[in-house]
Amino acid sequence: MPRDPSSVVDRGAGCLLGGALGDALGAPVQYLGWADIQREHGPQGVLSPPKPALVTDDTQLTLFTADGYLRAWVRGKLTGEWEPIETVWHSYRRWLITQQQDAPDEGAAGLLADERLYESRSPGLTCLRALASETPSTPEEPHNESSGCNGVTRTAPAGFAPSASIAYDLGCRFAALTHGGTGGWVSGGALALLVHLLAVKNRPLKEAIDQVIGRVLRDDTYTATVLTRAVVLAEEKQEIRVERLGSGWTGPEALAIAVYLVLSHPKPAQFADAMRAAVNHSGGSDATAALTGNILGALHGTDALPRDWLAGLELVDVLDGIGRDLGRSAVNEPFEETRYA
């Protein structure tokens, strides 16, 4: 059943904002074990984002993914040239500038003009090294063998591509620009495909996840296996520690944890509980929560996001605006294309 355009637009915003909320919620504890989290935050662990709720490089790079994709979309519409992988590669290289300078250059435009992005939030060395290369990495010719989670955590914008097959391919290739291990880029494609099926195609949650697993199985048995395990554990309807699915430091494990939590907290009113479960564990708390937020935002839109959490979120205006433009591009609604020219 197709969604009405306004719903897709709202879910574009929900996807980016939900991911950023999870990122900010998990950032302060991303390197802590569960016992340490309880020691610092109480027996229930982290319950809400700090104020201000500062995001990590995962959200920064998600914005640059979206900006690069929209630049490719606008260029394709105007000229017929469609090069989203190349455009996103150059967008990531622009992000590198924000990590090397303290403030924008005079005359900077787009995201590079926003001084709030000139913050180094401990970006991963894998990303930095890959983006410092003169040539982009691809699944066919990878520059490394990393399957770390920092590939998948930025591919949600690819979910607003024109079709499910394009969304999956772009998600894989965007992740592969920095993470050459099969799980590193396949998980990126899996997230993009799931976002597309939920936000754009209006597929039921379980049906969408089954379709993602079927597609992933053709490229990577391991990623398909851990996602299937997440589905099985959710169907058992027993609350588990998410560590049973891994630490979340790799792309497949982080996505599997997110899939489990979305399946076990599928209602809009359960958003906060899902996010708390996504951060309160010994592992990559910011990544697992960011992916959980991306998926729930794509599923429910902005109404599910706690207003008091959004009130303190860094870059909330930029995330909302670019997220809505992603949604508009997916349903061919007009938006201010000059922002991405």
Protein backbone atom coordinates (compact mmCIF):
# COMPACT_ATOMS: atom_id res chain seq x y z
CA MET A 1 0.00 0.00 0.00
CA PRO A 2 1.66 3.26 -1.10
CA ARG A 3 2.14 6.10 1.35
CA ASP A 4 0.85 9.59 0.74
CA PRO A 5 3.66 12.02 -0.13
CA SER A 6 3.41 14.06 3.07
CA SER A 7 3.87 10.88 5.08
CA VAL A 8 7.07 9.99 3.20
CA VAL A 9 8.39 13.51 3.75
CA ASP A 10 7.75 13.26 7.49
CA ARG A 11 9.43 9.86 7.63
CA GLY A 12 12.49 11.31 5.94
CA ALA A 13 12.78 13.72 8.83
CA GLY A 14 11.94 11.00 11.34
CA CYS A 15 14.65 8.72 9.98
CA LEU A 16 17.45 11.29 10.31
CA LEU A 17 16.23 12.76 13.60
CA GLY A 18 15.66 9.33 15.15
CA GLY A 19 19.15 8.25 14.19
CA ALA A 20 20.67 11.41 15.65
CA LEU A 21 18.75 10.97 18.90
CA GLY A 22 20.13 7.46 19.25
CA ASP A 23 23.62 8.66 18.41
CA ALA A 24 23.45 11.39 21.06
CA LEU A 25 21.91 9.05 23.63
CA GLY A 26 24.66 6.48 23.22
CA ALA A 27 27.63 8.77 22.68
CA PRO A 28 28.53 9.30 26.37
CA VAL A 29 28.63 5.54 27.05
CA GLN A 30 29.79 4.08 23.74
CA TYR A 31 33.02 2.70 25.20
CA LEU A 32 31.64 1.62 28.59
CA GLY A 33 30.64 -1.84 29.75
CA TRP A 34 27.18 -2.38 31.26
CA ALA A 35 28.52 -2.40 34.81
CA ASP A 36 30.30 0.91 34.22
CA ILE A 37 27.15 2.42 32.69
CA GLN A 38 25.17 1.43 35.79
CA ARG A 39 27.88 2.85 38.03
CA GLU A 40 27.73 6.21 36.26
CA HIS A 41 24.01 6.45 35.44
CA GLY A 42 22.23 4.26 37.98
CA PRO A 43 20.85 0.71 37.91
CA GLN A 44 18.64 1.36 34.88
CA GLY A 45 21.45 2.92 32.92
CA VAL A 46 20.99 5.85 30.53
CA LEU A 47 17.39 7.07 30.41
CA SER A 48 17.56 10.23 28.29
CA PRO A 49 20.07 12.18 26.19
CA PRO A 50 22.31 14.73 27.89
CA LYS A 51 21.58 18.42 27.39
CA PRO A 52 22.84 19.52 25.00
CA ALA A 53 22.52 16.22 23.14
CA LEU A 54 25.70 16.21 21.06
CA VAL A 55 26.02 13.89 18.07
CA THR A 56 29.09 11.97 16.89
CA ASP A 57 30.75 11.63 13.51
CA ASP A 58 28.05 9.05 12.62
CA THR A 59 25.41 11.77 12.40
CA GLN A 60 27.78 14.23 10.77
CA LEU A 61 28.53 11.70 8.02
CA THR A 62 24.85 10.83 7.66
CA LEU A 63 24.19 14.49 6.88
CA PHE A 64 26.98 14.52 4.31
CA THR A 65 25.58 11.29 2.79
CA ALA A 66 22.19 12.94 2.44
CA ASP A 67 23.69 16.15 1.09
CA GLY A 68 25.77 14.26 -1.49
CA TYR A 69 22.82 12.12 -2.55
CA LEU A 70 20.57 15.16 -2.98
CA ARG A 71 23.28 16.91 -5.00
CA ALA A 72 23.33 13.88 -7.30
CA TRP A 73 19.52 13.86 -7.48
CA VAL A 74 19.34 17.54 -8.43
CA ARG A 75 22.14 17.19 -10.98
CA GLY A 76 20.43 14.16 -12.48
CA LYS A 77 17.17 16.04 -12.81
CA LEU A 78 18.83 19.05 -14.44
CA THR A 79 21.40 17.35 -16.69
CA GLY A 80 20.52 13.66 -16.90
CA GLU A 81 23.86 12.73 -15.31
CA TRP A 82 23.39 10.35 -12.37
CA GLU A 83 26.58 9.78 -10.34
CA PRO A 84 25.54 9.43 -6.68
CA ILE A 85 28.54 7.35 -5.59
CA GLU A 86 30.98 9.90 -6.98
CA THR A 87 28.96 12.78 -5.53
CA VAL A 88 28.77 11.21 -2.07
CA TRP A 89 32.50 10.45 -2.20
CA HIS A 90 33.17 14.15 -2.77
CA SER A 91 30.69 14.98 -0.02
CA TYR A 92 32.63 12.82 2.44
CA ARG A 93 35.81 14.57 1.37
CA ARG A 94 34.09 17.86 2.22
CA TRP A 95 33.32 16.44 5.65
CA LEU A 96 37.08 15.89 6.06
CA ILE A 97 37.52 19.66 5.78
CA THR A 98 35.33 20.11 8.87
CA GLN A 99 37.67 17.79 10.76
CA GLN A 100 40.78 19.70 9.71
CA GLN A 101 39.64 23.30 10.22
CA ASP A 102 38.18 25.23 13.13
CA ALA A 103 35.65 27.24 11.12
CA PRO A 104 34.25 27.62 7.60
CA ASP A 105 36.21 29.34 4.87
CA GLU A 106 34.86 32.66 3.68
CA GLY A 107 32.22 32.03 1.05
CA ALA A 108 31.60 28.43 2.08
CA ALA A 109 28.19 27.09 1.05
CA GLY A 110 25.84 24.30 2.07
CA LEU A 111 26.87 22.15 5.01
CA LEU A 112 30.38 23.58 4.85
CA ALA A 113 28.96 26.96 5.85
CA ASP A 114 27.55 25.61 9.14
CA GLU A 115 30.14 26.25 11.84
CA ARG A 116 28.46 23.68 14.13
CA LEU A 117 29.83 20.90 11.93
CA TYR A 118 33.42 21.96 12.54
CA GLU A 119 33.68 19.65 15.53
CA SER A 120 35.81 16.53 15.72
CA ARG A 121 33.81 13.86 17.52
CA SER A 122 36.46 11.12 17.59
CA PRO A 123 35.95 9.84 14.03
CA GLY A 124 37.19 6.33 13.33
CA LEU A 125 40.63 5.89 11.82
CA THR A 126 39.19 3.55 9.17
CA CYS A 127 37.01 6.37 7.83
CA LEU A 128 39.74 8.98 8.02
CA ARG A 129 42.29 6.81 6.23
CA ALA A 130 39.86 5.73 3.52
CA LEU A 131 38.69 9.27 2.82
CA ALA A 132 42.26 10.56 2.69
CA SER A 133 42.88 8.27 -0.29
CA GLU A 134 42.90 9.80 -3.76
CA THR A 135 40.55 7.13 -5.12
CA PRO A 136 37.30 5.75 -3.70
CA SER A 137 37.02 2.19 -2.43
CA THR A 138 34.40 -0.12 -3.97
CA PRO A 139 33.00 -3.56 -3.08
CA GLU A 140 34.87 -4.94 -6.11
CA GLU A 141 38.16 -3.19 -5.27
CA PRO A 142 38.17 -2.52 -1.51
CA HIS A 143 40.90 -0.51 0.19
CA ASN A 144 40.61 -2.45 3.45
CA GLU A 145 38.84 -5.43 5.00
CA SER A 146 36.98 -3.58 7.75
CA SER A 147 33.43 -4.57 8.64
CA GLY A 148 33.16 -1.97 11.40
CA CYS A 149 29.84 -0.33 12.17
CA ASN A 150 30.84 3.14 10.95
CA GLY A 151 29.93 2.17 7.40
CA VAL A 152 26.30 1.26 8.05
CA THR A 153 25.61 4.10 10.48
CA ARG A 154 25.58 6.70 7.68
CA THR A 155 23.69 4.92 4.86
CA ALA A 156 20.06 5.54 5.87
CA PRO A 157 19.68 8.43 3.35
CA ALA A 158 20.17 5.95 0.49
CA GLY A 159 16.80 4.51 1.51
CA PHE A 160 15.09 7.42 -0.26
CA ALA A 161 16.44 6.37 -3.66
CA PRO A 162 14.00 5.83 -6.56
CA SER A 163 13.64 2.05 -6.10
CA ALA A 164 14.39 -0.74 -3.65
CA SER A 165 17.17 -2.16 -5.82
CA ILE A 166 18.84 1.24 -6.20
CA ALA A 167 18.53 1.89 -2.45
CA TYR A 168 20.30 -1.38 -1.65
CA ASP A 169 23.04 -0.84 -4.22
CA LEU A 170 23.72 2.75 -3.10
CA GLY A 171 23.73 1.73 0.57
CA CYS A 172 26.32 -0.94 -0.18
CA ARG A 173 28.49 1.39 -2.23
CA PHE A 174 28.28 4.33 0.16
CA ALA A 175 29.43 2.09 3.02
CA ALA A 176 32.14 0.53 0.86
CA LEU A 177 33.73 3.96 0.33
CA THR A 178 35.33 3.45 3.74
CA HIS A 179 34.60 -0.15 4.82
CA GLY A 180 35.75 -2.84 2.41
CA GLY A 181 34.87 -5.94 4.43
CA THR A 182 31.80 -7.68 3.02
CA GLY A 183 29.78 -7.29 6.21
CA GLY A 184 30.77 -3.64 6.40
CA TRP A 185 29.15 -2.73 3.09
CA VAL A 186 26.38 -5.34 2.91
CA SER A 187 24.97 -4.07 6.21
CA GLY A 188 24.94 -0.57 4.68
CA GLY A 189 22.83 -1.84 1.81
CA ALA A 190 20.57 -3.73 4.19
CA LEU A 191 19.80 -0.61 6.23
CA ALA A 192 19.10 1.46 3.12
CA LEU A 193 16.78 -1.21 1.73
CA LEU A 194 14.91 -1.51 5.03
CA VAL A 195 14.45 2.27 5.26
CA HIS A 196 13.16 2.32 1.68
CA LEU A 197 10.65 -0.47 2.24
CA LEU A 198 9.31 1.12 5.43
CA ALA A 199 9.35 4.85 4.64
CA VAL A 200 8.72 4.90 0.90
CA LYS A 201 6.98 1.60 0.08
CA ASN A 202 4.93 1.30 3.29
CA ARG A 203 5.71 -2.39 3.75
CA PRO A 204 4.76 -4.02 7.07
CA LEU A 205 7.75 -4.24 9.39
CA LYS A 206 8.17 -8.03 9.47
CA GLU A 207 7.63 -8.35 5.72
CA ALA A 208 10.23 -5.65 5.07
CA ILE A 209 12.83 -7.33 7.28
CA ASP A 210 12.22 -10.70 5.60
CA GLN A 211 12.73 -9.07 2.20
CA VAL A 212 15.99 -7.49 3.38
CA ILE A 213 17.30 -10.82 4.67
CA GLY A 214 16.44 -12.49 1.37
CA ARG A 215 18.37 -9.86 -0.57
CA VAL A 216 21.35 -9.87 1.79
CA LEU A 217 21.63 -13.66 1.58
CA ARG A 218 22.79 -13.30 -2.03
CA ASP A 219 25.83 -11.26 -0.94
CA ASP A 220 26.77 -12.30 2.59
CA THR A 221 25.63 -15.37 4.50
CA TYR A 222 26.94 -14.06 7.82
CA THR A 223 24.94 -10.83 7.74
CA ALA A 224 21.82 -12.73 6.72
CA THR A 225 22.39 -15.21 9.56
CA VAL A 226 22.73 -12.61 12.33
CA LEU A 227 19.67 -10.73 11.04
CA THR A 228 17.69 -13.99 11.01
CA ARG A 229 18.79 -14.66 14.58
CA ALA A 230 17.50 -11.23 15.57
CA VAL A 231 14.11 -12.07 14.08
CA VAL A 232 13.96 -15.44 15.87
CA LEU A 233 14.84 -13.91 19.24
CA ALA A 234 12.20 -11.21 18.80
CA GLU A 235 9.57 -13.79 17.88
CA GLU A 236 10.30 -15.66 21.12
CA LYS A 237 8.99 -12.55 22.91
CA GLN A 238 11.49 -12.89 25.72
CA GLU A 239 13.39 -9.83 26.83
CA ILE A 240 17.09 -10.53 26.33
CA ARG A 241 20.36 -8.72 26.76
CA VAL A 242 21.25 -7.57 23.25
CA GLU A 243 24.79 -8.88 23.74
CA ARG A 244 23.38 -12.23 22.62
CA LEU A 245 23.54 -10.74 19.12
CA GLY A 246 27.07 -9.41 19.55
CA SER A 247 28.76 -6.23 20.69
CA GLY A 248 27.56 -4.00 17.89
CA TRP A 249 31.08 -3.02 16.86
CA THR A 250 30.64 -4.56 13.40
CA GLY A 251 28.05 -3.51 10.85
CA PRO A 252 26.14 -6.82 10.81
CA GLU A 253 25.96 -7.03 14.62
CA ALA A 254 24.91 -3.40 15.06
CA LEU A 255 22.14 -3.77 12.49
CA ALA A 256 20.99 -7.09 13.98
CA ILE A 257 20.67 -5.49 17.43
CA ALA A 258 18.66 -2.65 15.91
CA VAL A 259 16.38 -5.06 14.05
CA TYR A 260 15.75 -7.05 17.22
CA LEU A 261 14.89 -3.92 19.19
CA VAL A 262 12.56 -2.56 16.52
CA LEU A 263 10.73 -5.89 16.30
CA SER A 264 10.41 -6.09 20.08
CA HIS A 265 9.37 -2.41 20.40
CA PRO A 266 7.30 -1.84 17.25
CA LYS A 267 4.83 0.77 18.53
CA PRO A 268 5.41 4.53 18.34
CA ALA A 269 4.95 4.84 22.11
CA GLN A 270 7.81 2.37 22.62
CA PHE A 271 10.43 4.56 20.92
CA ALA A 272 12.13 5.69 24.14
CA ASP A 273 12.22 2.18 25.60
CA ALA A 274 13.73 0.80 22.39
CA MET A 275 16.41 3.47 22.44
CA ARG A 276 17.26 2.84 26.09
CA ALA A 277 17.68 -0.86 25.38
CA ALA A 278 19.86 0.05 22.41
CA VAL A 279 22.40 1.97 24.51
CA ASN A 280 22.44 0.12 27.83
CA HIS A 281 24.80 -2.71 26.97
CA SER A 282 28.50 -3.47 26.69
CA GLY A 283 29.25 -2.51 23.12
CA GLY A 284 28.86 0.15 20.42
CA SER A 285 26.01 2.00 22.10
CA ASP A 286 25.91 5.01 19.79
CA ALA A 287 25.86 2.87 16.63
CA THR A 288 23.20 0.42 17.81
CA ALA A 289 20.96 3.24 19.04
CA ALA A 290 21.49 5.35 15.90
CA LEU A 291 20.40 2.46 13.69
CA THR A 292 17.42 1.71 15.93
CA GLY A 293 16.40 5.36 15.68
CA ASN A 294 16.84 5.44 11.90
CA ILE A 295 14.53 2.44 11.47
CA LEU A 296 11.88 3.55 13.96
CA GLY A 297 11.89 7.05 12.48
CA ALA A 298 11.44 5.62 9.00
CA LEU A 299 8.61 3.43 10.28
CA HIS A 300 6.67 5.95 12.37
CA GLY A 301 7.81 9.44 11.40
CA THR A 302 8.43 12.35 13.73
CA ASP A 303 5.35 11.84 15.94
CA ALA A 304 7.13 8.95 17.69
CA LEU A 305 10.14 11.06 18.71
CA PRO A 306 10.09 12.43 22.28
CA ARG A 307 9.73 16.21 22.11
CA ASP A 308 11.87 16.81 25.19
CA TRP A 309 14.68 14.78 23.59
CA LEU A 310 14.45 16.73 20.34
CA ALA A 311 14.53 20.04 22.22
CA GLY A 312 18.18 19.57 23.18
CA LEU A 313 19.40 17.82 20.01
CA GLU A 314 22.37 19.33 18.20
CA LEU A 315 21.75 20.21 14.52
CA VAL A 316 18.05 19.44 14.87
CA ASP A 317 17.10 22.08 12.30
CA VAL A 318 19.55 20.78 9.68
CA LEU A 319 18.54 17.16 10.25
CA ASP A 320 14.85 18.00 9.94
CA GLY A 321 15.31 20.07 6.78
CA ILE A 322 17.56 17.65 4.91
CA GLY A 323 15.45 14.69 6.05
CA ARG A 324 12.33 16.30 4.60
CA ASP A 325 14.16 17.06 1.36
CA LEU A 326 15.10 13.38 1.12
CA GLY A 327 11.44 12.48 1.49
CA ARG A 328 10.41 15.07 -1.10
CA SER A 329 12.94 13.75 -3.59
CA ALA A 330 11.54 10.23 -3.14
CA VAL A 331 7.99 11.31 -4.06
CA ASN A 332 8.92 14.08 -6.53
CA GLU A 333 7.60 16.88 -4.37
CA PRO A 334 9.21 20.29 -4.92
CA PHE A 335 11.93 21.51 -2.56
CA GLU A 336 14.61 24.18 -2.63
CA GLU A 337 16.93 22.46 -5.07
CA THR A 338 19.38 25.38 -5.16
CA ARG A 339 20.65 24.22 -1.77
CA TYR A 340 22.18 21.21 -3.53
CA ALA A 341 23.16 22.70 -6.87
